[in-house]
């Protein structure tokens, strides 16, 4: 199934970049892709430079549809210029299929430091109108400790770095099955 997912995402990205249109859902695909799952598609420019990452943290649509939607959206991540056709041979793709986010319950926010597992847990923070998400592989790639992970999560949400210590902040964790193209 991993090969199917990578092929679908690659085809979706290439089609969107070349035509501006999303591909249709294929007629034949693995049945488990009908399950509603959160998913993120990350595009890297070789060797390992982020070029786009878009997705859906919550299981609201079937995975097959989420893969196509996230693939085309990652081509136009607002943090970057739209992906161009001439770049297609210089990119590689990573797909993260998520478990449903669950609220981490704590009495004291310092308990987060013991309840979050680097390399296993991805995080979402919510506070008022602010929210941010970091995938589980991010702190591993950047060599972060748990506190660094929480601080960067807060910054991603547009909050102060210590907002994770505020009792009004809610932090959710999820896991991801990561599927990567080979370099």
N, C-alpha and C. Protein backbone atom coordinates (compact mmCIF):
# COMPACT_ATOMS: atom_id res chain seq x y z
N UNK A 1 0.82 -1.20 0.00
CA UNK A 1 0.00 0.00 0.00
C UNK A 1 0.86 1.26 0.00
N UNK A 2 2.02 1.20 0.62
CA UNK A 2 2.89 2.38 0.66
C UNK A 2 3.28 2.83 -0.74
N UNK A 3 3.60 1.86 -1.61
CA UNK A 3 3.96 2.20 -2.99
C UNK A 3 2.78 2.87 -3.70
N UNK A 4 1.57 2.36 -3.45
CA UNK A 4 0.38 2.94 -4.06
C UNK A 4 0.22 4.39 -3.62
N UNK A 5 0.37 4.64 -2.32
CA UNK A 5 0.21 5.99 -1.79
C UNK A 5 1.24 6.94 -2.40
N UNK A 6 2.50 6.53 -2.43
CA UNK A 6 3.54 7.40 -2.99
C UNK A 6 3.31 7.67 -4.48
N UNK A 7 2.90 6.64 -5.21
CA UNK A 7 2.63 6.82 -6.65
C UNK A 7 1.45 7.78 -6.84
N UNK A 8 0.39 7.62 -6.05
CA UNK A 8 -0.78 8.49 -6.15
C UNK A 8 -0.41 9.94 -5.84
N UNK A 9 0.34 10.14 -4.77
CA UNK A 9 0.73 11.49 -4.37
C UNK A 9 1.63 12.13 -5.42
N UNK A 10 2.59 11.38 -5.93
CA UNK A 10 3.49 11.89 -6.98
C UNK A 10 2.68 12.27 -8.21
N UNK A 11 1.78 11.40 -8.64
CA UNK A 11 0.93 11.67 -9.81
C UNK A 11 0.07 12.90 -9.57
N UNK A 12 -0.47 13.02 -8.37
CA UNK A 12 -1.33 14.16 -8.02
C UNK A 12 -0.55 15.47 -8.07
N UNK A 13 0.65 15.47 -7.52
CA UNK A 13 1.49 16.68 -7.52
C UNK A 13 1.85 17.06 -8.96
N UNK A 14 2.33 16.08 -9.73
CA UNK A 14 2.75 16.38 -11.10
C UNK A 14 1.58 16.88 -11.95
N UNK A 15 0.42 16.26 -11.80
CA UNK A 15 -0.75 16.70 -12.55
C UNK A 15 -1.16 18.11 -12.16
N UNK A 16 -1.17 18.39 -10.85
CA UNK A 16 -1.60 19.71 -10.41
C UNK A 16 -0.64 20.79 -10.89
N UNK A 17 0.66 20.52 -10.81
CA UNK A 17 1.65 21.51 -11.25
C UNK A 17 1.54 21.75 -12.76
N UNK A 18 1.30 20.70 -13.53
CA UNK A 18 1.26 20.82 -14.99
C UNK A 18 -0.07 21.37 -15.50
N UNK A 19 -1.19 21.03 -14.84
CA UNK A 19 -2.52 21.40 -15.37
C UNK A 19 -3.32 22.34 -14.48
N UNK A 20 -2.91 22.45 -13.20
CA UNK A 20 -3.69 23.26 -12.26
C UNK A 20 -4.94 22.55 -11.76
N UNK A 21 -5.08 21.26 -12.10
CA UNK A 21 -6.27 20.51 -11.70
C UNK A 21 -5.89 19.31 -10.84
N UNK A 22 -6.79 18.97 -9.93
CA UNK A 22 -6.60 17.78 -9.10
C UNK A 22 -6.98 16.55 -9.91
N UNK A 23 -6.29 15.46 -9.65
CA UNK A 23 -6.64 14.21 -10.32
C UNK A 23 -7.92 13.65 -9.69
N UNK A 24 -8.69 12.87 -10.42
CA UNK A 24 -9.86 12.23 -9.81
C UNK A 24 -9.42 11.05 -8.93
N UNK A 25 -10.29 10.67 -8.04
CA UNK A 25 -10.02 9.47 -7.23
C UNK A 25 -9.96 8.29 -8.18
N UNK A 26 -8.90 7.47 -8.11
CA UNK A 26 -8.80 6.33 -9.02
C UNK A 26 -9.94 5.32 -8.80
N UNK A 27 -10.22 4.56 -9.82
CA UNK A 27 -11.29 3.55 -9.71
C UNK A 27 -10.90 2.42 -8.79
N UNK A 28 -9.65 1.98 -8.85
CA UNK A 28 -9.20 0.85 -8.03
C UNK A 28 -8.11 1.32 -7.08
N UNK A 29 -8.34 1.08 -5.80
CA UNK A 29 -7.35 1.44 -4.79
C UNK A 29 -7.59 0.57 -3.56
N UNK A 30 -6.59 0.45 -2.68
CA UNK A 30 -6.76 -0.38 -1.48
C UNK A 30 -7.94 0.09 -0.63
N UNK A 31 -8.75 -0.86 -0.19
CA UNK A 31 -9.96 -0.59 0.58
C UNK A 31 -9.69 0.25 1.83
N UNK A 32 -8.53 0.06 2.47
CA UNK A 32 -8.26 0.80 3.71
C UNK A 32 -8.10 2.29 3.47
N UNK A 33 -7.96 2.73 2.23
CA UNK A 33 -7.88 4.16 1.94
C UNK A 33 -9.25 4.83 2.01
N UNK A 34 -10.30 4.05 2.24
CA UNK A 34 -11.63 4.62 2.46
C UNK A 34 -11.81 5.10 3.91
N UNK A 35 -10.91 4.65 4.79
CA UNK A 35 -10.99 5.05 6.19
C UNK A 35 -10.71 6.55 6.32
N UNK A 36 -11.48 7.23 7.16
CA UNK A 36 -11.23 8.65 7.40
C UNK A 36 -10.01 8.79 8.29
N UNK A 37 -9.01 9.54 7.79
CA UNK A 37 -7.76 9.75 8.52
C UNK A 37 -7.24 11.15 8.26
N UNK A 38 -6.52 11.68 9.21
CA UNK A 38 -5.77 12.90 8.98
C UNK A 38 -4.55 12.55 8.15
N UNK A 39 -4.09 13.50 7.34
CA UNK A 39 -2.93 13.23 6.48
C UNK A 39 -2.22 14.54 6.14
N UNK A 40 -0.90 14.47 6.05
CA UNK A 40 -0.08 15.59 5.60
C UNK A 40 0.82 15.12 4.47
N UNK A 41 0.98 15.96 3.46
CA UNK A 41 1.92 15.72 2.39
C UNK A 41 3.00 16.79 2.48
N UNK A 42 4.25 16.33 2.57
CA UNK A 42 5.39 17.22 2.65
C UNK A 42 6.22 17.06 1.39
N UNK A 43 6.57 18.17 0.79
CA UNK A 43 7.43 18.18 -0.40
C UNK A 43 8.78 18.77 0.02
N UNK A 44 9.83 18.03 -0.28
CA UNK A 44 11.19 18.51 -0.03
C UNK A 44 11.88 18.72 -1.36
N UNK A 45 12.70 19.74 -1.41
CA UNK A 45 13.60 19.91 -2.55
C UNK A 45 14.90 19.22 -2.15
N UNK A 46 15.42 18.37 -3.03
CA UNK A 46 16.63 17.62 -2.70
C UNK A 46 17.76 18.58 -2.36
N UNK A 47 18.56 18.30 -1.34
CA UNK A 47 18.61 17.04 -0.61
C UNK A 47 17.60 16.97 0.54
N UNK A 48 17.30 18.07 1.22
CA UNK A 48 16.40 17.95 2.36
C UNK A 48 15.86 19.32 2.78
N UNK A 49 15.45 20.13 1.80
CA UNK A 49 14.96 21.48 2.08
C UNK A 49 13.44 21.50 1.92
N UNK A 50 12.74 21.92 2.97
CA UNK A 50 11.28 21.97 2.92
C UNK A 50 10.82 22.85 1.77
N UNK A 51 9.85 22.35 1.00
CA UNK A 51 9.33 23.08 -0.16
C UNK A 51 7.82 23.28 -0.06
N UNK A 52 7.18 22.53 0.84
CA UNK A 52 5.74 22.67 1.05
C UNK A 52 5.25 21.56 1.96
N UNK A 53 4.27 21.89 2.78
CA UNK A 53 3.67 20.88 3.66
C UNK A 53 2.27 21.34 4.02
N UNK A 54 1.30 20.57 3.59
CA UNK A 54 -0.10 20.89 3.85
C UNK A 54 -0.82 19.59 4.19
N UNK A 55 -1.83 19.71 5.03
CA UNK A 55 -2.59 18.52 5.34
C UNK A 55 -3.80 18.81 6.19
N UNK A 56 -4.35 17.74 6.67
CA UNK A 56 -5.58 17.77 7.45
C UNK A 56 -5.34 16.98 8.73
N UNK A 57 -5.35 17.63 9.89
CA UNK A 57 -5.03 16.92 11.13
C UNK A 57 -6.14 15.98 11.62
N UNK A 58 -7.36 16.23 11.21
CA UNK A 58 -8.48 15.46 11.75
C UNK A 58 -9.06 14.51 10.71
N UNK A 59 -9.58 13.38 11.13
CA UNK A 59 -10.13 12.37 10.21
C UNK A 59 -11.53 12.76 9.72
N UNK A 60 -11.59 13.71 8.77
CA UNK A 60 -12.88 14.20 8.30
C UNK A 60 -13.28 13.68 6.93
N UNK A 61 -12.28 13.24 6.16
CA UNK A 61 -12.57 12.73 4.82
C UNK A 61 -11.80 11.42 4.62
N UNK A 62 -12.25 10.58 3.66
CA UNK A 62 -11.51 9.34 3.39
C UNK A 62 -10.06 9.65 3.01
N UNK A 63 -9.16 8.79 3.44
CA UNK A 63 -7.74 8.99 3.20
C UNK A 63 -7.43 9.16 1.72
N UNK A 64 -8.08 8.40 0.84
CA UNK A 64 -7.81 8.52 -0.60
C UNK A 64 -8.05 9.95 -1.08
N UNK A 65 -9.12 10.55 -0.60
CA UNK A 65 -9.45 11.93 -0.97
C UNK A 65 -8.48 12.91 -0.30
N UNK A 66 -8.14 12.66 0.96
CA UNK A 66 -7.20 13.52 1.68
C UNK A 66 -5.83 13.55 1.03
N UNK A 67 -5.38 12.40 0.52
CA UNK A 67 -4.08 12.34 -0.16
C UNK A 67 -4.06 13.24 -1.39
N UNK A 68 -5.12 13.21 -2.17
CA UNK A 68 -5.20 14.04 -3.38
C UNK A 68 -5.30 15.51 -3.02
N UNK A 69 -6.15 15.83 -2.06
CA UNK A 69 -6.33 17.23 -1.63
C UNK A 69 -5.03 17.81 -1.07
N UNK A 70 -4.39 17.07 -0.16
CA UNK A 70 -3.16 17.56 0.47
C UNK A 70 -2.03 17.67 -0.55
N UNK A 71 -1.99 16.77 -1.51
CA UNK A 71 -0.94 16.80 -2.54
C UNK A 71 -1.01 18.08 -3.36
N UNK A 72 -2.20 18.40 -3.83
CA UNK A 72 -2.33 19.62 -4.64
C UNK A 72 -2.13 20.86 -3.78
N UNK A 73 -2.59 20.84 -2.55
CA UNK A 73 -2.42 22.00 -1.67
C UNK A 73 -0.95 22.23 -1.33
N UNK A 74 -0.18 21.15 -1.15
CA UNK A 74 1.24 21.29 -0.81
C UNK A 74 2.02 21.98 -1.93
N UNK A 75 1.50 21.92 -3.15
CA UNK A 75 2.16 22.58 -4.29
C UNK A 75 2.03 24.10 -4.19
N UNK A 76 1.10 24.57 -3.37
CA UNK A 76 0.89 26.01 -3.23
C UNK A 76 0.85 26.43 -1.76
N UNK A 77 1.72 25.81 -0.97
CA UNK A 77 1.89 26.19 0.43
C UNK A 77 2.17 27.70 0.47
N UNK A 78 1.38 28.48 1.21
CA UNK A 78 1.54 29.94 1.17
C UNK A 78 2.89 30.45 1.69
N UNK A 79 3.66 29.60 2.33
CA UNK A 79 4.99 30.01 2.81
C UNK A 79 6.02 30.04 1.69
N UNK A 80 5.67 29.46 0.54
CA UNK A 80 6.60 29.33 -0.58
C UNK A 80 5.94 29.78 -1.87
N UNK A 81 6.78 30.04 -2.88
CA UNK A 81 6.22 30.29 -4.22
C UNK A 81 5.64 28.98 -4.72
N UNK A 82 4.60 29.04 -5.57
CA UNK A 82 4.02 27.79 -6.10
C UNK A 82 5.08 26.92 -6.78
N UNK A 83 4.95 25.62 -6.58
CA UNK A 83 5.87 24.66 -7.18
C UNK A 83 5.77 24.75 -8.70
N UNK A 84 6.91 24.74 -9.37
CA UNK A 84 6.95 24.85 -10.84
C UNK A 84 7.31 23.50 -11.46
N UNK A 85 6.89 23.34 -12.71
CA UNK A 85 7.14 22.08 -13.43
C UNK A 85 8.62 21.73 -13.48
N UNK A 86 9.48 22.72 -13.66
CA UNK A 86 10.92 22.46 -13.77
C UNK A 86 11.51 21.94 -12.44
N UNK A 87 10.78 22.08 -11.33
CA UNK A 87 11.25 21.59 -10.04
C UNK A 87 10.88 20.13 -9.77
N UNK A 88 10.00 19.55 -10.56
CA UNK A 88 9.45 18.23 -10.26
C UNK A 88 10.51 17.14 -10.17
N UNK A 89 11.58 17.25 -10.93
CA UNK A 89 12.63 16.22 -10.87
C UNK A 89 13.56 16.43 -9.67
N UNK A 90 13.42 17.56 -8.97
CA UNK A 90 14.28 17.86 -7.82
C UNK A 90 13.57 17.72 -6.48
N UNK A 91 12.40 17.12 -6.47
CA UNK A 91 11.67 17.01 -5.21
C UNK A 91 11.56 15.55 -4.78
N UNK A 92 11.35 15.37 -3.49
CA UNK A 92 10.93 14.06 -2.99
C UNK A 92 9.81 14.29 -1.98
N UNK A 93 9.04 13.25 -1.77
CA UNK A 93 7.76 13.37 -1.07
C UNK A 93 7.76 12.53 0.20
N UNK A 94 7.10 13.09 1.22
CA UNK A 94 6.88 12.37 2.47
C UNK A 94 5.39 12.50 2.80
N UNK A 95 4.77 11.40 3.14
CA UNK A 95 3.36 11.37 3.50
C UNK A 95 3.25 10.93 4.95
N UNK A 96 2.48 11.66 5.74
CA UNK A 96 2.24 11.31 7.14
C UNK A 96 0.76 11.03 7.32
N UNK A 97 0.43 9.77 7.63
CA UNK A 97 -0.96 9.37 7.88
C UNK A 97 -1.14 9.37 9.40
N UNK A 98 -2.08 10.17 9.88
CA UNK A 98 -2.20 10.44 11.30
C UNK A 98 -3.24 9.60 12.02
N UNK A 99 -2.97 9.37 13.30
CA UNK A 99 -4.01 8.86 14.19
C UNK A 99 -4.84 10.06 14.63
N UNK A 100 -6.00 9.80 15.21
CA UNK A 100 -6.85 10.91 15.65
C UNK A 100 -6.19 11.63 16.82
N UNK A 101 -6.09 12.97 16.75
CA UNK A 101 -5.50 13.72 17.86
C UNK A 101 -6.32 13.54 19.14
N UNK A 102 -5.61 13.38 20.26
CA UNK A 102 -6.28 13.26 21.55
C UNK A 102 -5.69 14.26 22.53
N UNK A 103 -6.57 14.85 23.31
CA UNK A 103 -6.17 15.86 24.29
C UNK A 103 -5.27 15.21 25.33
N UNK A 104 -4.15 15.88 25.63
CA UNK A 104 -3.26 15.41 26.71
C UNK A 104 -3.78 16.06 27.99
N UNK A 105 -4.22 15.22 28.91
CA UNK A 105 -4.80 15.74 30.15
C UNK A 105 -3.70 15.88 31.20
N UNK A 106 -3.60 17.09 31.76
CA UNK A 106 -2.62 17.36 32.81
C UNK A 106 -3.26 18.24 33.88
N UNK A 107 -2.78 18.10 35.09
CA UNK A 107 -3.19 19.01 36.15
C UNK A 107 -2.24 20.20 36.20
N UNK A 108 -0.97 19.94 35.90
CA UNK A 108 0.05 20.98 35.87
C UNK A 108 0.70 20.91 34.49
N UNK A 109 0.80 22.04 33.76
CA UNK A 109 1.37 22.01 32.42
C UNK A 109 2.79 21.42 32.34
N UNK A 110 3.54 21.44 33.40
CA UNK A 110 4.89 20.85 33.39
C UNK A 110 4.82 19.33 33.15
N UNK A 111 3.65 18.73 33.40
CA UNK A 111 3.46 17.29 33.17
C UNK A 111 3.60 16.94 31.68
N UNK A 112 3.41 17.94 30.79
CA UNK A 112 3.58 17.68 29.36
C UNK A 112 4.96 17.11 29.06
N UNK A 113 5.95 17.57 29.82
CA UNK A 113 7.33 17.14 29.57
C UNK A 113 7.49 15.63 29.72
N UNK A 114 6.68 15.01 30.58
CA UNK A 114 6.74 13.56 30.78
C UNK A 114 5.75 12.79 29.90
N UNK A 115 4.75 13.47 29.38
CA UNK A 115 3.69 12.79 28.62
C UNK A 115 3.90 12.80 27.11
N UNK A 116 4.89 13.55 26.65
CA UNK A 116 5.15 13.65 25.21
C UNK A 116 6.40 12.84 24.88
N UNK A 117 6.28 11.99 23.86
CA UNK A 117 7.40 11.14 23.44
C UNK A 117 7.96 11.65 22.12
N UNK A 118 9.19 12.16 22.17
CA UNK A 118 9.86 12.66 20.96
C UNK A 118 10.01 11.51 19.96
N UNK A 119 9.68 11.79 18.71
CA UNK A 119 9.79 10.78 17.65
C UNK A 119 8.55 9.92 17.50
N UNK A 120 7.64 10.00 18.46
CA UNK A 120 6.39 9.23 18.39
C UNK A 120 5.19 10.16 18.29
N UNK A 121 5.18 11.19 19.13
CA UNK A 121 4.03 12.10 19.20
C UNK A 121 4.22 13.33 18.32
N UNK A 122 3.19 13.62 17.54
CA UNK A 122 3.05 14.93 16.91
C UNK A 122 2.16 15.74 17.83
N UNK A 123 2.20 17.06 17.71
CA UNK A 123 1.45 17.90 18.64
C UNK A 123 0.62 18.96 17.92
N UNK A 124 -0.50 19.28 18.55
CA UNK A 124 -1.34 20.41 18.15
C UNK A 124 -1.57 21.23 19.41
N UNK A 125 -1.43 22.54 19.31
CA UNK A 125 -1.79 23.42 20.42
C UNK A 125 -2.95 24.28 19.97
N UNK A 126 -3.88 24.52 20.90
CA UNK A 126 -5.01 25.41 20.66
C UNK A 126 -5.14 26.34 21.85
N UNK A 127 -5.27 27.62 21.54
CA UNK A 127 -5.52 28.62 22.58
C UNK A 127 -6.25 29.78 21.92
N UNK A 128 -7.50 29.98 22.28
CA UNK A 128 -8.30 31.02 21.65
C UNK A 128 -8.40 30.76 20.16
N UNK A 129 -8.09 31.78 19.36
CA UNK A 129 -8.17 31.63 17.90
C UNK A 129 -6.88 31.06 17.31
N UNK A 130 -5.89 30.83 18.15
CA UNK A 130 -4.59 30.34 17.69
C UNK A 130 -4.51 28.82 17.72
N UNK A 131 -3.85 28.27 16.72
CA UNK A 131 -3.55 26.84 16.74
C UNK A 131 -2.31 26.59 15.87
N UNK A 132 -1.62 25.53 16.21
CA UNK A 132 -0.43 25.15 15.44
C UNK A 132 -0.22 23.65 15.55
N UNK A 133 0.46 23.09 14.57
CA UNK A 133 0.71 21.65 14.51
C UNK A 133 2.14 21.41 14.08
N UNK A 134 2.78 20.44 14.71
CA UNK A 134 4.08 19.95 14.28
C UNK A 134 4.02 18.42 14.22
N UNK A 135 4.48 17.87 13.12
CA UNK A 135 4.50 16.42 12.93
C UNK A 135 5.55 15.77 13.83
N UNK A 136 5.39 14.48 14.16
CA UNK A 136 6.32 13.81 15.08
C UNK A 136 7.76 13.76 14.61
N UNK A 137 7.99 13.78 13.30
CA UNK A 137 9.35 13.68 12.80
C UNK A 137 10.14 14.99 12.92
N UNK A 138 9.44 16.12 13.12
CA UNK A 138 10.10 17.43 13.16
C UNK A 138 11.13 17.54 14.30
N UNK A 139 10.77 17.23 15.56
CA UNK A 139 11.77 17.39 16.62
C UNK A 139 12.96 16.44 16.46
N UNK A 140 12.73 15.28 15.84
CA UNK A 140 13.83 14.34 15.61
C UNK A 140 14.79 14.94 14.59
N UNK A 141 14.23 15.45 13.47
CA UNK A 141 15.06 16.03 12.41
C UNK A 141 15.86 17.22 12.90
N UNK A 142 15.29 17.98 13.84
CA UNK A 142 15.93 19.21 14.31
C UNK A 142 16.65 19.05 15.65
N UNK A 143 16.63 17.85 16.21
CA UNK A 143 17.34 17.59 17.46
C UNK A 143 16.77 18.30 18.67
N UNK A 144 15.45 18.46 18.70
CA UNK A 144 14.81 19.17 19.81
C UNK A 144 14.56 18.26 21.00
N UNK A 145 14.64 18.85 22.16
CA UNK A 145 14.15 18.23 23.40
C UNK A 145 12.65 18.51 23.48
N UNK A 146 11.97 17.93 24.44
CA UNK A 146 10.52 18.11 24.57
C UNK A 146 10.16 19.58 24.77
N UNK A 147 10.93 20.28 25.59
CA UNK A 147 10.63 21.69 25.83
C UNK A 147 10.81 22.52 24.55
N UNK A 148 11.83 22.20 23.75
CA UNK A 148 12.02 22.89 22.46
C UNK A 148 10.82 22.64 21.54
N UNK A 149 10.36 21.40 21.55
CA UNK A 149 9.21 21.00 20.73
C UNK A 149 7.99 21.84 21.11
N UNK A 150 7.72 21.96 22.40
CA UNK A 150 6.58 22.73 22.88
C UNK A 150 6.73 24.22 22.56
N UNK A 151 7.91 24.75 22.73
CA UNK A 151 8.14 26.17 22.44
C UNK A 151 7.96 26.47 20.96
N UNK A 152 8.49 25.61 20.10
CA UNK A 152 8.34 25.80 18.66
C UNK A 152 6.91 25.60 18.21
N UNK A 153 6.19 24.71 18.86
CA UNK A 153 4.77 24.53 18.58
C UNK A 153 4.01 25.82 18.88
N UNK A 154 4.32 26.44 20.01
CA UNK A 154 3.69 27.71 20.38
C UNK A 154 3.99 28.79 19.34
N UNK A 155 5.25 28.88 18.92
CA UNK A 155 5.62 29.88 17.91
C UNK A 155 4.88 29.64 16.60
N UNK A 156 4.75 28.38 16.21
CA UNK A 156 4.03 28.05 14.97
C UNK A 156 2.58 28.51 15.04
N UNK A 157 2.01 28.49 16.25
CA UNK A 157 0.63 28.92 16.45
C UNK A 157 0.50 30.44 16.60
N UNK A 158 1.63 31.15 16.58
CA UNK A 158 1.58 32.60 16.76
C UNK A 158 1.45 33.02 18.22
N UNK A 159 1.86 32.13 19.11
CA UNK A 159 1.79 32.39 20.55
C UNK A 159 3.19 32.65 21.08
N UNK A 160 3.28 33.12 22.32
CA UNK A 160 4.59 33.26 22.95
C UNK A 160 5.12 31.86 23.25
N UNK A 161 6.44 31.73 23.36
CA UNK A 161 7.04 30.40 23.49
C UNK A 161 6.66 29.68 24.77
N UNK A 162 6.22 30.43 25.77
CA UNK A 162 5.84 29.79 27.03
C UNK A 162 4.34 29.56 27.16
N UNK A 163 3.60 29.72 26.08
CA UNK A 163 2.13 29.55 26.12
C UNK A 163 1.71 28.13 26.48
N UNK A 164 2.59 27.16 26.29
CA UNK A 164 2.26 25.78 26.66
C UNK A 164 2.10 25.65 28.17
N UNK A 165 2.64 26.60 28.92
CA UNK A 165 2.51 26.58 30.39
C UNK A 165 1.21 27.22 30.86
N UNK A 166 0.48 27.85 29.96
CA UNK A 166 -0.77 28.53 30.30
C UNK A 166 -1.90 27.51 30.38
N UNK A 167 -2.65 27.55 31.45
CA UNK A 167 -3.73 26.56 31.64
C UNK A 167 -4.85 26.71 30.62
N UNK A 168 -4.89 27.83 29.88
CA UNK A 168 -5.91 28.01 28.84
C UNK A 168 -5.51 27.35 27.52
N UNK A 169 -4.26 26.92 27.41
CA UNK A 169 -3.80 26.23 26.20
C UNK A 169 -4.17 24.76 26.30
N UNK A 170 -4.60 24.21 25.18
CA UNK A 170 -4.89 22.78 25.09
C UNK A 170 -3.89 22.16 24.13
N UNK A 171 -3.29 21.06 24.55
CA UNK A 171 -2.32 20.37 23.69
C UNK A 171 -2.83 18.96 23.41
N UNK A 172 -2.81 18.63 22.14
CA UNK A 172 -3.25 17.33 21.66
C UNK A 172 -2.04 16.60 21.08
N UNK A 173 -2.07 15.27 21.17
CA UNK A 173 -1.01 14.49 20.54
C UNK A 173 -1.62 13.49 19.57
N UNK A 174 -0.81 13.10 18.61
CA UNK A 174 -1.20 12.10 17.62
C UNK A 174 0.07 11.40 17.17
N UNK A 175 -0.09 10.28 16.51
CA UNK A 175 1.04 9.57 15.92
C UNK A 175 0.90 9.60 14.40
N UNK A 176 1.97 9.30 13.71
CA UNK A 176 1.93 9.32 12.24
C UNK A 176 2.68 8.12 11.67
N UNK A 177 2.08 7.54 10.67
CA UNK A 177 2.77 6.54 9.85
C UNK A 177 3.42 7.32 8.71
N UNK A 178 4.73 7.36 8.68
CA UNK A 178 5.46 8.16 7.71
C UNK A 178 5.92 7.29 6.54
N UNK A 179 5.56 7.74 5.35
CA UNK A 179 5.91 7.04 4.12
C UNK A 179 6.71 8.01 3.26
N UNK A 180 7.94 7.60 2.87
CA UNK A 180 8.82 8.51 2.13
C UNK A 180 9.27 7.91 0.81
N UNK A 181 9.42 8.79 -0.17
CA UNK A 181 10.10 8.39 -1.38
C UNK A 181 11.57 8.20 -1.05
N UNK A 182 12.22 7.29 -1.75
CA UNK A 182 13.65 7.09 -1.55
C UNK A 182 14.41 8.13 -2.37
N UNK A 183 15.47 8.63 -1.80
CA UNK A 183 16.32 9.60 -2.53
C UNK A 183 17.10 8.92 -3.62
